[in-house]
C-alpha atoms as a PDB file:
ATOM      1  CA  UNK A   1      58.698 -70.444  54.213  1.00  0.00           C
ATOM      2  CA  UNK A   2      60.034 -67.097  53.054  1.00  0.00           C
ATOM      3  CA  UNK A   3      57.816 -64.430  51.532  1.00  0.00           C
ATOM      4  CA  UNK A   4      58.747 -63.039  48.150  1.00  0.00           C
ATOM      5  CA  UNK A   5      61.313 -60.226  48.254  1.00  0.00           C
ATOM      6  CA  UNK A   6      59.894 -58.728  45.052  1.00  0.00           C
ATOM      7  CA  UNK A   7      56.985 -57.174  46.956  1.00  0.00           C
ATOM      8  CA  UNK A   8      59.433 -54.979  48.799  1.00  0.00           C
ATOM      9  CA  UNK A   9      60.398 -53.004  45.693  1.00  0.00           C
ATOM     10  CA  UNK A  10      57.652 -50.459  46.375  1.00  0.00           C
ATOM     11  CA  UNK A  11      58.874 -49.856  49.917  1.00  0.00           C
ATOM     12  CA  UNK A  12      62.470 -49.672  48.673  1.00  0.00           C
ATOM     13  CA  UNK A  13      61.474 -46.904  46.271  1.00  0.00           C
ATOM     14  CA  UNK A  14      59.772 -45.135  49.141  1.00  0.00           C
ATOM     15  CA  UNK A  15      62.969 -45.375  51.162  1.00  0.00           C
ATOM     16  CA  UNK A  16      64.843 -43.681  48.333  1.00  0.00           C
ATOM     17  CA  UNK A  17      62.384 -40.820  48.497  1.00  0.00           C
ATOM     18  CA  UNK A  18      62.739 -40.665  52.272  1.00  0.00           C
ATOM     19  CA  UNK A  19      66.368 -39.657  51.956  1.00  0.00           C
ATOM     20  CA  UNK A  20      65.357 -36.571  49.999  1.00  0.00           C
ATOM     21  CA  UNK A  21      62.048 -35.705  51.625  1.00  0.00           C
ATOM     22  CA  UNK A  22      62.232 -35.525  55.390  1.00  0.00           C
ATOM     23  CA  UNK A  23      58.488 -34.935  55.621  1.00  0.00           C
ATOM     24  CA  UNK A  24      57.719 -38.444  54.364  1.00  0.00           C
ATOM     25  CA  UNK A  25      57.003 -41.127  56.996  1.00  0.00           C
ATOM     26  CA  UNK A  26      59.796 -43.386  58.170  1.00  0.00           C
ATOM     27  CA  UNK A  27      59.318 -47.129  57.664  1.00  0.00           C
ATOM     28  CA  UNK A  28      58.018 -49.134  60.587  1.00  0.00           C
ATOM     29  CA  UNK A  29      58.174 -52.803  61.510  1.00  0.00           C
ATOM     30  CA  UNK A  30      55.501 -54.597  63.525  1.00  0.00           C
ATOM     31  CA  UNK A  31      56.613 -57.655  65.504  1.00  0.00           C
ATOM     32  CA  UNK A  32      53.724 -59.970  66.326  1.00  0.00           C
ATOM     33  CA  UNK A  33      55.081 -61.995  69.268  1.00  0.00           C
ATOM     34  CA  UNK A  34      53.446 -64.535  71.542  1.00  0.00           C
ATOM     35  CA  UNK A  35      53.869 -62.074  74.430  1.00  0.00           C
ATOM     36  CA  UNK A  36      52.370 -59.086  72.622  1.00  0.00           C
ATOM     37  CA  UNK A  37      53.113 -56.521  69.914  1.00  0.00           C
ATOM     38  CA  UNK A  38      56.229 -54.419  69.346  1.00  0.00           C
ATOM     39  CA  UNK A  39      56.408 -51.617  66.771  1.00  0.00           C
ATOM     40  CA  UNK A  40      59.686 -49.965  65.819  1.00  0.00           C
ATOM     41  CA  UNK A  41      60.255 -46.922  63.636  1.00  0.00           C
ATOM     42  CA  UNK A  42      63.443 -47.142  61.595  1.00  0.00           C
ATOM     43  CA  UNK A  43      65.830 -44.320  60.670  1.00  0.00           C
ATOM     44  CA  UNK A  44      66.795 -44.529  56.976  1.00  0.00           C
ATOM     45  CA  UNK A  45      68.245 -41.018  57.093  1.00  0.00           C
ATOM     46  CA  UNK A  46      70.955 -41.789  59.664  1.00  0.00           C
ATOM     47  CA  UNK A  47      71.267 -45.542  59.048  1.00  0.00           C
ATOM     48  CA  UNK A  48      70.321 -46.139  55.396  1.00  0.00           C
ATOM     49  CA  UNK A  49      72.333 -49.333  54.815  1.00  0.00           C
ATOM     50  CA  UNK A  50      71.307 -50.932  58.109  1.00  0.00           C
ATOM     51  CA  UNK A  51      67.660 -49.982  57.645  1.00  0.00           C
ATOM     52  CA  UNK A  52      67.510 -51.448  54.146  1.00  0.00           C
ATOM     53  CA  UNK A  53      69.261 -54.634  55.270  1.00  0.00           C
ATOM     54  CA  UNK A  54      66.820 -55.092  58.156  1.00  0.00           C
ATOM     55  CA  UNK A  55      63.823 -54.482  55.919  1.00  0.00           C
ATOM     56  CA  UNK A  56      65.158 -56.994  53.388  1.00  0.00           C
ATOM     57  CA  UNK A  57      65.215 -59.649  56.111  1.00  0.00           C
ATOM     58  CA  UNK A  58      61.738 -58.659  57.306  1.00  0.00           C
ATOM     59  CA  UNK A  59      60.236 -58.851  53.829  1.00  0.00           C
ATOM     60  CA  UNK A  60      61.934 -62.188  53.157  1.00  0.00           C
ATOM     61  CA  UNK A  61      60.084 -63.583  56.185  1.00  0.00           C
ATOM     62  CA  UNK A  62      63.404 -64.416  57.826  1.00  0.00           C
ATOM     63  CA  UNK A  63      62.352 -63.408  61.347  1.00  0.00           C
ATOM     64  CA  UNK A  64      59.033 -65.274  61.277  1.00  0.00           C
ATOM     65  CA  UNK A  65      59.274 -68.123  63.799  1.00  0.00           C
ATOM     66  CA  UNK A  66      62.509 -66.949  65.404  1.00  0.00           C
ATOM     67  CA  UNK A  67      62.841 -66.190  69.128  1.00  0.00           C
ATOM     68  CA  UNK A  68      64.459 -63.736  71.499  1.00  0.00           C
ATOM     69  CA  UNK A  69      67.208 -66.062  72.637  1.00  0.00           C
ATOM     70  CA  UNK A  70      69.234 -63.926  75.080  1.00  0.00           C
ATOM     71  CA  UNK A  71      68.036 -61.613  77.845  1.00  0.00           C
ATOM     72  CA  UNK A  72      70.118 -59.417  80.116  1.00  0.00           C
ATOM     73  CA  UNK A  73      68.143 -57.372  82.635  1.00  0.00           C
ATOM     74  CA  UNK A  74      68.527 -53.601  82.239  1.00  0.00           C
ATOM     75  CA  UNK A  75      70.824 -54.255  79.283  1.00  0.00           C
ATOM     76  CA  UNK A  76      69.605 -55.930  76.059  1.00  0.00           C
ATOM     77  CA  UNK A  77      67.113 -58.410  74.585  1.00  0.00           C
ATOM     78  CA  UNK A  78      68.613 -60.180  71.571  1.00  0.00           C
ATOM     79  CA  UNK A  79      66.916 -61.996  68.678  1.00  0.00           C
ATOM     80  CA  UNK A  80      67.098 -62.795  64.997  1.00  0.00           C
ATOM     81  CA  UNK A  81      69.296 -65.906  65.058  1.00  0.00           C
ATOM     82  CA  UNK A  82      67.522 -69.027  66.433  1.00  0.00           C
ATOM     83  CA  UNK A  83      64.134 -70.678  65.963  1.00  0.00           C
ATOM     84  CA  UNK A  84      61.889 -72.010  68.728  1.00  0.00           C
ATOM     85  CA  UNK A  85      63.710 -75.367  68.655  1.00  0.00           C
ATOM     86  CA  UNK A  86      67.043 -73.664  69.271  1.00  0.00           C
ATOM     87  CA  UNK A  87      68.262 -74.303  65.732  1.00  0.00           C
ATOM     88  CA  UNK A  88      70.241 -71.468  64.111  1.00  0.00           C
ATOM     89  CA  UNK A  89      68.836 -69.838  60.985  1.00  0.00           C
ATOM     90  CA  UNK A  90      71.545 -69.051  58.455  1.00  0.00           C
ATOM     91  CA  UNK A  91      71.567 -65.370  57.349  1.00  0.00           C
ATOM     92  CA  UNK A  92      70.445 -64.786  53.777  1.00  0.00           C
ATOM     93  CA  UNK A  93      72.551 -61.754  52.883  1.00  0.00           C
ATOM     94  CA  UNK A  94      76.167 -60.660  53.130  1.00  0.00           C
ATOM     95  CA  UNK A  95      77.418 -58.696  56.159  1.00  0.00           C
ATOM     96  CA  UNK A  96      76.948 -54.942  55.981  1.00  0.00           C
ATOM     97  CA  UNK A  97      79.356 -52.117  56.865  1.00  0.00           C
ATOM     98  CA  UNK A  98      78.984 -50.471  60.253  1.00  0.00           C
ATOM     99  CA  UNK A  99      77.055 -47.228  60.621  1.00  0.00           C
ATOM    100  CA  UNK A 100      77.769 -47.004  64.355  1.00  0.00           C
ATOM    101  CA  UNK A 101      79.122 -43.461  63.972  1.00  0.00           C
ATOM    102  CA  UNK A 102      75.728 -42.139  62.784  1.00  0.00           C
ATOM    103  CA  UNK A 103      75.042 -40.210  65.990  1.00  0.00           C
ATOM    104  CA  UNK A 104      72.319 -42.587  67.221  1.00  0.00           C
ATOM    105  CA  UNK A 105      73.044 -43.889  70.716  1.00  0.00           C
ATOM    106  CA  UNK A 106      72.340 -47.162  72.492  1.00  0.00           C
ATOM    107  CA  UNK A 107      69.753 -45.745  74.866  1.00  0.00           C
ATOM    108  CA  UNK A 108      66.654 -47.362  76.345  1.00  0.00           C
ATOM    109  CA  UNK A 109      64.005 -48.151  73.752  1.00  0.00           C
ATOM    110  CA  UNK A 110      66.245 -48.293  70.682  1.00  0.00           C
ATOM    111  CA  UNK A 111      66.912 -51.164  68.286  1.00  0.00           C
ATOM    112  CA  UNK A 112      70.440 -51.976  67.086  1.00  0.00           C
ATOM    113  CA  UNK A 113      72.268 -54.636  65.085  1.00  0.00           C
ATOM    114  CA  UNK A 114      74.242 -57.453  66.676  1.00  0.00           C
ATOM    115  CA  UNK A 115      77.522 -58.195  64.902  1.00  0.00           C
ATOM    116  CA  UNK A 116      79.266 -61.030  66.717  1.00  0.00           C
ATOM    117  CA  UNK A 117      82.110 -58.770  67.757  1.00  0.00           C
ATOM    118  CA  UNK A 118      82.946 -57.798  64.165  1.00  0.00           C
ATOM    119  CA  UNK A 119      82.064 -54.124  63.657  1.00  0.00           C
ATOM    120  CA  UNK A 120      81.402 -54.728  59.953  1.00  0.00           C
ATOM    121  CA  UNK A 121      79.833 -58.146  60.478  1.00  0.00           C
ATOM    122  CA  UNK A 122      76.147 -57.369  61.089  1.00  0.00           C
ATOM    123  CA  UNK A 123      73.708 -59.554  59.153  1.00  0.00           C
ATOM    124  CA  UNK A 124      70.346 -60.587  60.661  1.00  0.00           C
ATOM    125  CA  UNK A 125      70.802 -60.508  64.447  1.00  0.00           C
ATOM    126  CA  UNK A 126      69.484 -57.499  66.370  1.00  0.00           C
ATOM    127  CA  UNK A 127      68.777 -56.379  69.916  1.00  0.00           C
ATOM    128  CA  UNK A 128      66.640 -53.965  71.905  1.00  0.00           C
ATOM    129  CA  UNK A 129      68.330 -51.719  74.448  1.00  0.00           C
ATOM    130  CA  UNK A 130      66.698 -52.144  77.859  1.00  0.00           C
ATOM    131  CA  UNK A 131      68.965 -49.545  79.455  1.00  0.00           C
ATOM    132  CA  UNK A 132      71.283 -46.719  78.491  1.00  0.00           C
ATOM    133  CA  UNK A 133      74.258 -48.690  77.150  1.00  0.00           C
ATOM    134  CA  UNK A 134      76.943 -46.189  76.213  1.00  0.00           C
ATOM    135  CA  UNK A 135      79.511 -49.029  76.306  1.00  0.00           C
ATOM    136  CA  UNK A 136      77.975 -50.226  73.019  1.00  0.00           C
ATOM    137  CA  UNK A 137      78.190 -46.880  71.233  1.00  0.00           C
ATOM    138  CA  UNK A 138      80.667 -46.823  68.358  1.00  0.00           C
ATOM    139  CA  UNK A 139      80.650 -50.617  67.974  1.00  0.00           C
ATOM    140  CA  UNK A 140      76.990 -51.459  67.300  1.00  0.00           C
ATOM    141  CA  UNK A 141      74.703 -49.606  64.895  1.00  0.00           C
ATOM    142  CA  UNK A 142      71.480 -48.143  66.262  1.00  0.00           C
ATOM    143  CA  UNK A 143      68.906 -47.784  63.467  1.00  0.00           C
ATOM    144  CA  UNK A 144      65.523 -47.144  65.069  1.00  0.00           C
ATOM    145  CA  UNK A 145      63.400 -46.854  68.191  1.00  0.00           C
ATOM    146  CA  UNK A 146      60.450 -48.571  69.818  1.00  0.00           C
ATOM    147  CA  UNK A 147      57.306 -46.477  69.352  1.00  0.00           C
ATOM    148  CA  UNK A 148      54.871 -49.018  70.824  1.00  0.00           C
ATOM    149  CA  UNK A 149      55.259 -52.193  72.808  1.00  0.00           C
ATOM    150  CA  UNK A 150      57.761 -51.313  75.517  1.00  0.00           C
ATOM    151  CA  UNK A 151      55.397 -53.141  77.879  1.00  0.00           C
ATOM    152  CA  UNK A 152      55.883 -56.270  75.752  1.00  0.00           C
ATOM    153  CA  UNK A 153      59.652 -55.892  76.005  1.00  0.00           C
ATOM    154  CA  UNK A 154      59.373 -55.516  79.765  1.00  0.00           C
ATOM    155  CA  UNK A 155      57.412 -58.794  79.879  1.00  0.00           C
ATOM    156  CA  UNK A 156      60.073 -60.517  77.770  1.00  0.00           C
ATOM    157  CA  UNK A 157      62.781 -59.166  80.063  1.00  0.00           C
ATOM    158  CA  UNK A 158      61.044 -60.508  83.174  1.00  0.00           C
ATOM    159  CA  UNK A 159      60.646 -64.037  81.761  1.00  0.00           C
ATOM    160  CA  UNK A 160      62.269 -66.871  83.703  1.00  0.00           C
ATOM    161  CA  UNK A 161      65.835 -67.817  82.861  1.00  0.00           C
ATOM    162  CA  UNK A 162      67.677 -71.131  82.993  1.00  0.00           C
ATOM    163  CA  UNK A 163      70.157 -71.914  85.786  1.00  0.00           C
ATOM    164  CA  UNK A 164      73.815 -72.707  85.193  1.00  0.00           C
ATOM    165  CA  UNK A 165      74.276 -76.248  86.594  1.00  0.00           C
ATOM    166  CA  UNK A 166      77.897 -75.536  87.511  1.00  0.00           C
ATOM    167  CA  UNK A 167      77.507 -72.526  89.773  1.00  0.00           C
ATOM    168  CA  UNK A 168      73.726 -72.096  90.158  1.00  0.00           C
ATOM    169  CA  UNK A 169      73.721 -68.638  88.572  1.00  0.00           C
ATOM    170  CA  UNK A 170      70.932 -67.341  86.369  1.00  0.00           C
ATOM    171  CA  UNK A 171      71.897 -67.430  82.689  1.00  0.00           C
ATOM    172  CA  UNK A 172      70.816 -65.195  79.821  1.00  0.00           C
ATOM    173  CA  UNK A 173      68.793 -68.038  78.257  1.00  0.00           C
ATOM    174  CA  UNK A 174      65.016 -67.944  78.825  1.00  0.00           C
ATOM    175  CA  UNK A 175      63.120 -71.093  79.847  1.00  0.00           C
ATOM    176  CA  UNK A 176      60.459 -70.406  77.223  1.00  0.00           C
ATOM    177  CA  UNK A 177      61.804 -67.997  74.594  1.00  0.00           C
ATOM    178  CA  UNK A 178      59.383 -65.429  73.201  1.00  0.00           C
ATOM    179  CA  UNK A 179      58.487 -66.286  69.604  1.00  0.00           C
ATOM    180  CA  UNK A 180      58.232 -63.752  66.762  1.00  0.00           C
ATOM    181  CA  UNK A 181      55.183 -65.086  64.966  1.00  0.00           C
ATOM    182  CA  UNK A 182      55.711 -62.615  62.150  1.00  0.00           C
ATOM    183  CA  UNK A 183      57.535 -59.367  61.410  1.00  0.00           C
ATOM    184  CA  UNK A 184      55.885 -56.959  58.967  1.00  0.00           C
ATOM    185  CA  UNK A 185      57.191 -53.754  57.382  1.00  0.00           C
ATOM    186  CA  UNK A 186      54.792 -50.920  56.596  1.00  0.00           C
ATOM    187  CA  UNK A 187      54.529 -47.210  55.846  1.00  0.00           C
ATOM    188  CA  UNK A 188      51.749 -45.164  57.417  1.00  0.00           C
ATOM    189  CA  UNK A 189      49.915 -44.797  60.685  1.00  0.00           C
ATOM    190  CA  UNK A 190      48.953 -48.303  61.678  1.00  0.00           C
ATOM    191  CA  UNK A 191      48.767 -51.710  59.966  1.00  0.00           C
ATOM    192  CA  UNK A 192      45.608 -53.783  59.950  1.00  0.00           C
ATOM    193  CA  UNK A 193      46.107 -56.512  62.553  1.00  0.00           C
ATOM    194  CA  UNK A 194      44.224 -59.542  63.919  1.00  0.00           C
ATOM    195  CA  UNK A 195      43.899 -57.382  67.051  1.00  0.00           C
ATOM    196  CA  UNK A 196      41.456 -55.166  65.123  1.00  0.00           C
ATOM    197  CA  UNK A 197      38.893 -57.967  65.187  1.00  0.00           C
ATOM    198  CA  UNK A 198      35.886 -56.991  67.266  1.00  0.00           C
ATOM    199  CA  UNK A 199      32.996 -54.537  67.398  1.00  0.00           C
ATOM    200  CA  UNK A 200      33.331 -50.893  66.360  1.00  0.00           C
ATOM    201  CA  UNK A 201      30.808 -48.073  66.593  1.00  0.00           C
ATOM    202  CA  UNK A 202      30.341 -44.520  65.418  1.00  0.00           C
ATOM    203  CA  UNK A 203      30.122 -42.115  68.403  1.00  0.00           C
ATOM    204  CA  UNK A 204      28.350 -39.607  66.153  1.00  0.00           C
ATOM    205  CA  UNK A 205      25.588 -41.977  65.061  1.00  0.00           C
ATOM    206  CA  UNK A 206      23.724 -44.107  67.556  1.00  0.00           C
ATOM    207  CA  UNK A 207      22.740 -47.396  65.944  1.00  0.00           C
ATOM    208  CA  UNK A 208      25.590 -47.455  63.419  1.00  0.00           C
ATOM    209  CA  UNK A 209      28.213 -50.089  64.011  1.00  0.00           C
ATOM    210  CA  UNK A 210      30.604 -52.592  62.484  1.00  0.00           C
ATOM    211  CA  UNK A 211      31.804 -56.074  63.292  1.00  0.00           C
ATOM    212  CA  UNK A 212      35.315 -56.753  61.958  1.00  0.00           C
ATOM    213  CA  UNK A 213      37.178 -60.026  61.768  1.00  0.00           C
ATOM    214  CA  UNK A 214      40.818 -60.191  60.673  1.00  0.00           C
ATOM    215  CA  UNK A 215      41.979 -63.757  60.290  1.00  0.00           C
ATOM    216  CA  UNK A 216      43.984 -66.145  58.160  1.00  0.00           C
ATOM    217  CA  UNK A 217      42.331 -66.893  54.827  1.00  0.00           C
ATOM    218  CA  UNK A 218      41.433 -70.583  55.053  1.00  0.00           C
ATOM    219  CA  UNK A 219      41.506 -70.869  51.252  1.00  0.00           C
ATOM    220  CA  UNK A 220      44.915 -69.191  50.886  1.00  0.00           C
ATOM    221  CA  UNK A 221      47.714 -69.997  53.316  1.00  0.00           C
ATOM    222  CA  UNK A 222      49.856 -67.084  52.150  1.00  0.00           C
ATOM    223  CA  UNK A 223      47.747 -64.230  53.458  1.00  0.00           C
ATOM    224  CA  UNK A 224      45.055 -62.910  55.794  1.00  0.00           C
ATOM    225  CA  UNK A 225      41.500 -61.832  55.121  1.00  0.00           C
ATOM    226  CA  UNK A 226      39.285 -59.157  56.647  1.00  0.00           C
ATOM    227  CA  UNK A 227      35.515 -59.561  56.962  1.00  0.00           C
ATOM    228  CA  UNK A 228      33.226 -56.609  57.730  1.00  0.00           C
ATOM    229  CA  UNK A 229      29.574 -56.564  58.824  1.00  0.00           C
ATOM    230  CA  UNK A 230      27.950 -53.140  58.792  1.00  0.00           C
ATOM    231  CA  UNK A 231      24.634 -52.555  60.518  1.00  0.00           C
ATOM    232  CA  UNK A 232      22.762 -49.279  60.379  1.00  0.00           C
ATOM    233  CA  UNK A 233      19.259 -47.859  60.073  1.00  0.00           C
ATOM    234  CA  UNK A 234      17.691 -46.079  57.107  1.00  0.00           C
ATOM    235  CA  UNK A 235      14.346 -44.431  57.785  1.00  0.00           C
ATOM    236  CA  UNK A 236      13.747 -46.789  60.672  1.00  0.00           C
ATOM    237  CA  UNK A 237      14.637 -49.902  58.676  1.00  0.00           C
ATOM    238  CA  UNK A 238      17.707 -52.056  59.329  1.00  0.00           C
ATOM    239  CA  UNK A 239      20.467 -51.938  56.704  1.00  0.00           C
ATOM    240  CA  UNK A 240      22.552 -55.088  56.261  1.00  0.00           C
ATOM    241  CA  UNK A 241      25.909 -54.847  54.489  1.00  0.00           C
ATOM    242  CA  UNK A 242      28.782 -57.305  54.508  1.00  0.00           C
ATOM    243  CA  UNK A 243      31.904 -58.144  52.532  1.00  0.00           C
ATOM    244  CA  UNK A 244      35.406 -59.540  52.702  1.00  0.00           C
ATOM    245  CA  UNK A 245      38.758 -59.167  50.983  1.00  0.00           C
ATOM    246  CA  UNK A 246      42.246 -60.574  51.276  1.00  0.00           C
ATOM    247  CA  UNK A 247      45.255 -58.323  51.904  1.00  0.00           C
ATOM    248  CA  UNK A 248      48.961 -58.495  52.624  1.00  0.00           C
ATOM    249  CA  UNK A 249      50.243 -58.125  56.171  1.00  0.00           C
ATOM    250  CA  UNK A 250      51.516 -54.583  56.554  1.00  0.00           C
ATOM    251  CA  UNK A 251      48.644 -52.974  54.624  1.00  0.00           C
ATOM    252  CA  UNK A 252      47.284 -49.879  56.366  1.00  0.00           C
ATOM    253  CA  UNK A 253      43.945 -49.905  54.536  1.00  0.00           C
ATOM    254  CA  UNK A 254      41.768 -52.417  52.707  1.00  0.00           C
ATOM    255  CA  UNK A 255      38.915 -51.757  50.275  1.00  0.00           C
ATOM    256  CA  UNK A 256      36.025 -54.210  50.534  1.00  0.00           C
ATOM    257  CA  UNK A 257      33.130 -54.701  48.127  1.00  0.00           C
ATOM    258  CA  UNK A 258      29.868 -54.780  50.060  1.00  0.00           C
ATOM    259  CA  UNK A 259      26.785 -56.804  49.383  1.00  0.00           C
ATOM    260  CA  UNK A 260      23.589 -56.259  51.298  1.00  0.00           C
ATOM    261  CA  UNK A 261      19.993 -55.187  51.586  1.00  0.00           C
ATOM    262  CA  UNK A 262      19.926 -51.439  52.263  1.00  0.00           C
ATOM    263  CA  UNK A 263      16.260 -51.262  53.347  1.00  0.00           C
ATOM    264  CA  UNK A 264      14.438 -54.607  53.593  1.00  0.00           C
ATOM    265  CA  UNK A 265      10.710 -54.536  52.984  1.00  0.00           C
ATOM    266  CA  UNK A 266       8.347 -55.104  55.889  1.00  0.00           C
ATOM    267  CA  UNK A 267       9.125 -55.885  59.489  1.00  0.00           C
ATOM    268  CA  UNK A 268      12.554 -57.491  59.926  1.00  0.00           C
ATOM    269  CA  UNK A 269      14.203 -58.744  63.086  1.00  0.00           C
ATOM    270  CA  UNK A 270      17.353 -56.628  63.300  1.00  0.00           C
ATOM    271  CA  UNK A 271      19.242 -59.530  64.864  1.00  0.00           C
ATOM    272  CA  UNK A 272      18.359 -61.842  61.976  1.00  0.00           C
ATOM    273  CA  UNK A 273      19.870 -61.032  58.535  1.00  0.00           C
ATOM    274  CA  UNK A 274      17.738 -61.205  55.402  1.00  0.00           C
ATOM    275  CA  UNK A 275      17.826 -64.236  53.123  1.00  0.00           C
ATOM    276  CA  UNK A 276      20.935 -64.615  50.978  1.00  0.00           C
ATOM    277  CA  UNK A 277      19.075 -64.172  47.706  1.00  0.00           C
ATOM    278  CA  UNK A 278      18.047 -60.656  48.789  1.00  0.00           C
ATOM    279  CA  UNK A 279      21.640 -59.408  48.871  1.00  0.00           C
ATOM    280  CA  UNK A 280      23.090 -57.408  45.957  1.00  0.00           C
ATOM    281  CA  UNK A 281      26.309 -55.379  45.479  1.00  0.00           C
ATOM    282  CA  UNK A 282      25.825 -52.024  47.226  1.00  0.00           C
ATOM    283  CA  UNK A 283      29.267 -50.383  46.889  1.00  0.00           C
ATOM    284  CA  UNK A 284      32.539 -50.413  48.852  1.00  0.00           C
ATOM    285  CA  UNK A 285      33.975 -49.568  52.235  1.00  0.00           C
ATOM    286  CA  UNK A 286      37.653 -48.868  52.922  1.00  0.00           C
ATOM    287  CA  UNK A 287      38.803 -49.595  56.457  1.00  0.00           C
ATOM    288  CA  UNK A 288      41.840 -47.925  58.031  1.00  0.00           C
ATOM    289  CA  UNK A 289      43.010 -47.577  61.633  1.00  0.00           C
ATOM    290  CA  UNK A 290      44.907 -44.766  63.351  1.00  0.00           C
ATOM    291  CA  UNK A 291      45.602 -46.858  66.432  1.00  0.00           C
ATOM    292  CA  UNK A 292      44.588 -49.999  68.270  1.00  0.00           C
ATOM    293  CA  UNK A 293      41.265 -48.409  69.270  1.00  0.00           C
ATOM    294  CA  UNK A 294      40.313 -45.849  66.594  1.00  0.00           C
ATOM    295  CA  UNK A 295      39.820 -45.850  62.844  1.00  0.00           C
ATOM    296  CA  UNK A 296      38.021 -44.369  59.867  1.00  0.00           C
ATOM    297  CA  UNK A 297      35.765 -46.310  57.522  1.00  0.00           C
ATOM    298  CA  UNK A 298      35.242 -44.588  54.150  1.00  0.00           C
ATOM    299  CA  UNK A 299      32.277 -45.703  52.068  1.00  0.00           C
ATOM    300  CA  UNK A 300      30.967 -45.303  48.533  1.00  0.00           C
ATOM    301  CA  UNK A 301      27.456 -46.751  48.276  1.00  0.00           C
ATOM    302  CA  UNK A 302      25.064 -46.787  45.330  1.00  0.00           C
ATOM    303  CA  UNK A 303      22.018 -45.633  47.285  1.00  0.00           C
ATOM    304  CA  UNK A 304      23.597 -43.525  50.034  1.00  0.00           C
ATOM    305  CA  UNK A 305      26.557 -41.755  48.419  1.00  0.00           C
ATOM    306  CA  UNK A 306      30.060 -41.374  49.819  1.00  0.00           C
ATOM    307  CA  UNK A 307      31.475 -40.352  53.166  1.00  0.00           C
ATOM    308  CA  UNK A 308      33.650 -41.206  56.143  1.00  0.00           C
ATOM    309  CA  UNK A 309      32.708 -42.656  59.509  1.00  0.00           C
ATOM    310  CA  UNK A 310      35.159 -42.232  62.422  1.00  0.00           C
ATOM    311  CA  UNK A 311      34.867 -45.338  64.580  1.00  0.00           C
ATOM    312  CA  UNK A 312      35.857 -46.319  68.110  1.00  0.00           C
ATOM    313  CA  UNK A 313      36.495 -49.798  69.421  1.00  0.00           C
ATOM    314  CA  UNK A 314      33.729 -51.430  71.465  1.00  0.00           C
ATOM    315  CA  UNK A 315      35.141 -54.934  72.017  1.00  0.00           C
ATOM    316  CA  UNK A 316      38.498 -56.732  71.782  1.00  0.00           C
ATOM    317  CA  UNK A 317      39.311 -60.332  70.885  1.00  0.00           C
ATOM    318  CA  UNK A 318      39.350 -62.528  73.988  1.00  0.00           C
ATOM    319  CA  UNK A 319      42.517 -62.075  76.018  1.00  0.00           C
ATOM    320  CA  UNK A 320      43.740 -59.100  73.961  1.00  0.00           C
ATOM    321  CA  UNK A 321      44.686 -55.603  75.098  1.00  0.00           C
ATOM    322  CA  UNK A 322      45.636 -52.262  73.543  1.00  0.00           C
ATOM    323  CA  UNK A 323      47.966 -51.362  76.416  1.00  0.00           C
ATOM    324  CA  UNK A 324      51.117 -52.578  74.656  1.00  0.00           C
ATOM    325  CA  UNK A 325      50.498 -50.116  71.815  1.00  0.00           C
ATOM    326  CA  UNK A 326      50.805 -47.122  74.102  1.00  0.00           C
ATOM    327  CA  UNK A 327      53.904 -45.093  73.353  1.00  0.00           C
ATOM    328  CA  UNK A 328      56.920 -44.629  75.569  1.00  0.00           C
ATOM    329  CA  UNK A 329      57.694 -46.846  78.527  1.00  0.00           C
ATOM    330  CA  UNK A 330      54.167 -48.278  78.933  1.00  0.00           C
END
């Protein structure tokens, strides 16, 4: 169930560099939940031990399948301890010392470690501050902030709660707890997500477009795959290029080898691809995204050279939205 921790060695080295080079990017964690996305940016400068501990749990796959099990309106949303069946998941690592005196405060939109009332007892549990909670300062370590997905947290906070049978009061326990499908650590602008599936076009070049599909690799249960279809025109003729490659969740770019027919002979229906035997290797394209709705596709093709194509989203997967990725309190 757990992903290998060895893969995290590269990010751990990067964290070491972060302490000395403030200009380097801070690590981020993407929570893929069944109510929407949440992205947090961690603070290894002010909370180095807590940040590393949290990233160790993320990279071990510990949070995958867990739920947000306690909700207090205008206070906190807590997770990292129970699965969707209500069974506790035993922490993998020893408790860590408190860094609650690091100057980071329990204000709205921050993430902090739960500790069960023991200041030096934090392990895997964490919470999001849904209000300015100065009563928690000095006892609970804040180690990052929400940079996208506050709307998702608001939806989690508004979920229905169970009723105490003794006095009829609303409890902190949700009827249907929000599930963390996966938590992924990354460095860079934006990870490649299933949400990036859809149609993309180049505003600078009418007729140039891409269809992208990010999905689980059916032949390999451990990782996802991205498939790209590139359609364009060359001297009035349709150009068909396609390719796929597997990648690890958290990657911010993927290079894909393309096969295709750059300029089919004769009259070809643009909506109907050429026969499979006509396709040959044409080069590569590297896809990267700056946000939910914008990206840059860099290409290196045998017949057409190298370059970059800024792209804008045209369609989204059914039922999806980019709104949760807006910054701040959106």
